[in-house]
Amino acid sequence: MSVVVPLLIGVLYVLLSSLIPDRHRRPFNAIMVAGAGAAYLSGGGLGVAEVLFASVMAFVAYRGLTSWRFIGLGWLLHTVWDVVHHLRGEPILPFDHNSSFGCAICDPVIALWCLAGGPSLSTMTGRLRPRRAGAAP
């Protein structure tokens, strides 16, 4: 269950984000990855490294305003930060010991979608639909 729920959260995030109109989808996700970069600041478990990480993520998010690859990179960087926090016992949510572990499971799902260009739900379902025999590709 500790893996299934974070995977479902990642899928839900992707599905909901894919409903955002194309012109707003990438900027919205750039803002989200910037927020993820600052998520550990209040705990300060890694000292000044938290500020350095947030600064790197701010740059990545800025580049993400025009590039899905940077947004995907940001989610992968956040995954690594989640793993470090989980191993140190400094969870993202102080009241939930496994919250960083869950975040490390959820984030790559989002990253994969971003690295695929953040397609809309209709584009994703069109890719999944089997083609009829004799239909043009």
Protein backbone atom coordinates (compact mmCIF):
# COMPACT_ATOMS: atom_id res chain seq x y z
CA MET A 1 0.00 0.00 0.00
CA SER A 2 2.91 2.39 0.67
CA VAL A 3 3.81 2.20 -3.04
CA VAL A 4 0.35 1.98 -4.61
CA VAL A 5 -1.06 5.19 -3.10
CA PRO A 6 1.86 7.40 -4.21
CA LEU A 7 1.66 5.88 -7.71
CA LEU A 8 -2.06 6.69 -7.79
CA ILE A 9 -1.38 10.23 -6.61
CA GLY A 10 1.16 10.66 -9.42
CA VAL A 11 -1.32 9.34 -11.98
CA LEU A 12 -4.07 11.58 -10.59
CA TYR A 13 -1.77 14.61 -10.81
CA VAL A 14 -0.97 13.75 -14.44
CA LEU A 15 -4.62 13.23 -15.33
CA LEU A 16 -5.76 16.48 -13.74
CA SER A 17 -2.84 18.46 -15.17
CA SER A 18 -3.51 17.06 -18.62
CA LEU A 19 -6.93 18.70 -18.52
CA ILE A 20 -5.39 22.18 -18.27
CA PRO A 21 -5.47 23.96 -21.65
CA ASP A 22 -2.25 23.54 -23.64
CA ARG A 23 -1.07 27.14 -23.38
CA HIS A 24 -1.33 27.09 -19.57
CA ARG A 25 -0.21 23.52 -18.87
CA ARG A 26 3.56 23.98 -19.05
CA PRO A 27 3.69 27.26 -17.04
CA PHE A 28 1.45 25.71 -14.39
CA ASN A 29 3.75 22.70 -14.10
CA ALA A 30 6.84 24.93 -13.96
CA ILE A 31 5.28 26.70 -10.97
CA MET A 32 4.48 23.35 -9.35
CA VAL A 33 8.05 22.09 -9.70
CA ALA A 34 9.32 25.37 -8.24
CA GLY A 35 7.04 24.83 -5.25
CA ALA A 36 8.30 21.27 -4.89
CA GLY A 37 11.82 22.67 -4.76
CA ALA A 38 10.91 24.77 -1.75
CA ALA A 39 8.89 22.08 0.03
CA TYR A 40 11.67 21.12 2.46
CA LEU A 41 12.73 24.67 3.37
CA SER A 42 10.61 24.93 6.49
CA GLY A 43 12.08 21.74 7.99
CA GLY A 44 15.67 22.70 7.25
CA GLY A 45 16.87 19.13 7.81
CA LEU A 46 19.87 19.58 5.52
CA GLY A 47 20.77 23.12 6.59
CA VAL A 48 22.08 25.47 3.91
CA ALA A 49 21.83 22.66 1.33
CA GLU A 50 18.05 23.19 1.46
CA VAL A 51 18.49 26.76 0.22
CA LEU A 52 20.95 25.66 -2.46
CA PHE A 53 18.53 22.98 -3.66
CA ALA A 54 15.64 25.45 -3.74
CA SER A 55 17.83 27.80 -5.81
CA VAL A 56 18.67 25.06 -8.31
CA MET A 57 15.00 24.14 -8.53
CA ALA A 58 14.04 27.79 -9.09
CA PHE A 59 16.43 27.89 -12.06
CA VAL A 60 15.10 24.58 -13.39
CA ALA A 61 11.52 25.82 -13.00
CA TYR A 62 12.37 29.06 -14.80
CA ARG A 63 13.79 27.06 -17.72
CA GLY A 64 10.69 24.88 -17.46
CA LEU A 65 8.55 27.83 -18.50
CA THR A 66 9.69 27.04 -22.05
CA SER A 67 10.82 23.40 -21.77
CA TRP A 68 9.01 20.28 -20.61
CA ARG A 69 12.40 18.58 -20.28
CA PHE A 70 13.44 20.98 -17.53
CA ILE A 71 10.18 20.36 -15.68
CA GLY A 72 10.79 16.60 -15.93
CA LEU A 73 14.36 17.14 -14.73
CA GLY A 74 13.02 19.12 -11.78
CA TRP A 75 10.75 16.26 -10.72
CA LEU A 76 13.67 13.82 -11.00
CA LEU A 77 15.86 16.12 -8.90
CA HIS A 78 13.09 16.33 -6.35
CA THR A 79 12.92 12.52 -6.30
CA VAL A 80 16.60 12.38 -5.32
CA TRP A 81 15.99 15.01 -2.62
CA ASP A 82 13.06 12.94 -1.33
CA VAL A 83 15.27 9.84 -1.06
CA VAL A 84 17.96 11.76 0.81
CA HIS A 85 15.38 13.10 3.26
CA HIS A 86 13.78 9.70 3.71
CA LEU A 87 17.15 8.07 4.47
CA ARG A 88 18.03 10.83 6.95
CA GLY A 89 14.66 10.57 8.69
CA GLU A 90 13.67 14.13 7.78
CA PRO A 91 10.29 13.62 6.03
CA ILE A 92 8.56 16.28 3.97
CA LEU A 93 5.57 16.02 6.33
CA PRO A 94 6.85 15.81 9.91
CA PHE A 95 3.75 13.91 11.06
CA ASP A 96 4.15 11.20 8.38
CA HIS A 97 7.45 9.31 8.60
CA ASN A 98 7.07 7.81 5.10
CA SER A 99 5.95 10.97 3.30
CA SER A 100 9.31 11.53 1.59
CA PHE A 101 9.35 7.89 0.51
CA GLY A 102 5.89 8.32 -0.99
CA CYS A 103 6.94 11.51 -2.72
CA ALA A 104 9.95 9.68 -4.18
CA ILE A 105 7.51 7.15 -5.70
CA CYS A 106 5.05 9.77 -6.97
CA ASP A 107 7.49 12.24 -8.52
CA PRO A 108 8.95 9.97 -11.25
CA VAL A 109 5.41 9.32 -12.54
CA ILE A 110 5.01 13.06 -13.03
CA ALA A 111 8.53 13.35 -14.45
CA LEU A 112 7.84 10.72 -17.12
CA TRP A 113 4.71 12.57 -18.24
CA CYS A 114 6.66 15.85 -18.37
CA LEU A 115 9.52 14.26 -20.31
CA ALA A 116 6.89 13.01 -22.78
CA GLY A 117 5.92 16.64 -23.37
CA GLY A 118 3.02 16.90 -20.89
CA PRO A 119 0.42 15.62 -23.35
CA SER A 120 -3.28 16.33 -22.89
CA LEU A 121 -5.63 13.59 -21.77
CA SER A 122 -7.14 13.40 -25.27
CA THR A 123 -3.69 12.97 -26.80
CA MET A 124 -2.80 10.27 -24.27
CA THR A 125 -6.01 8.33 -24.84
CA GLY A 126 -5.58 8.67 -28.60
CA ARG A 127 -2.15 7.05 -28.27
CA LEU A 128 -3.63 4.19 -26.28
CA ARG A 129 -6.52 3.47 -28.66
CA PRO A 130 -5.84 0.54 -30.99
CA ARG A 131 -5.87 1.42 -34.66
CA ARG A 132 -8.47 -0.12 -36.92
CA ALA A 133 -7.26 -2.39 -39.68
CA GLY A 134 -6.73 -0.38 -42.83
CA ALA A 135 -6.78 2.97 -40.99
CA ALA A 136 -4.12 5.55 -41.87
CA PRO A 137 -1.41 5.97 -39.17
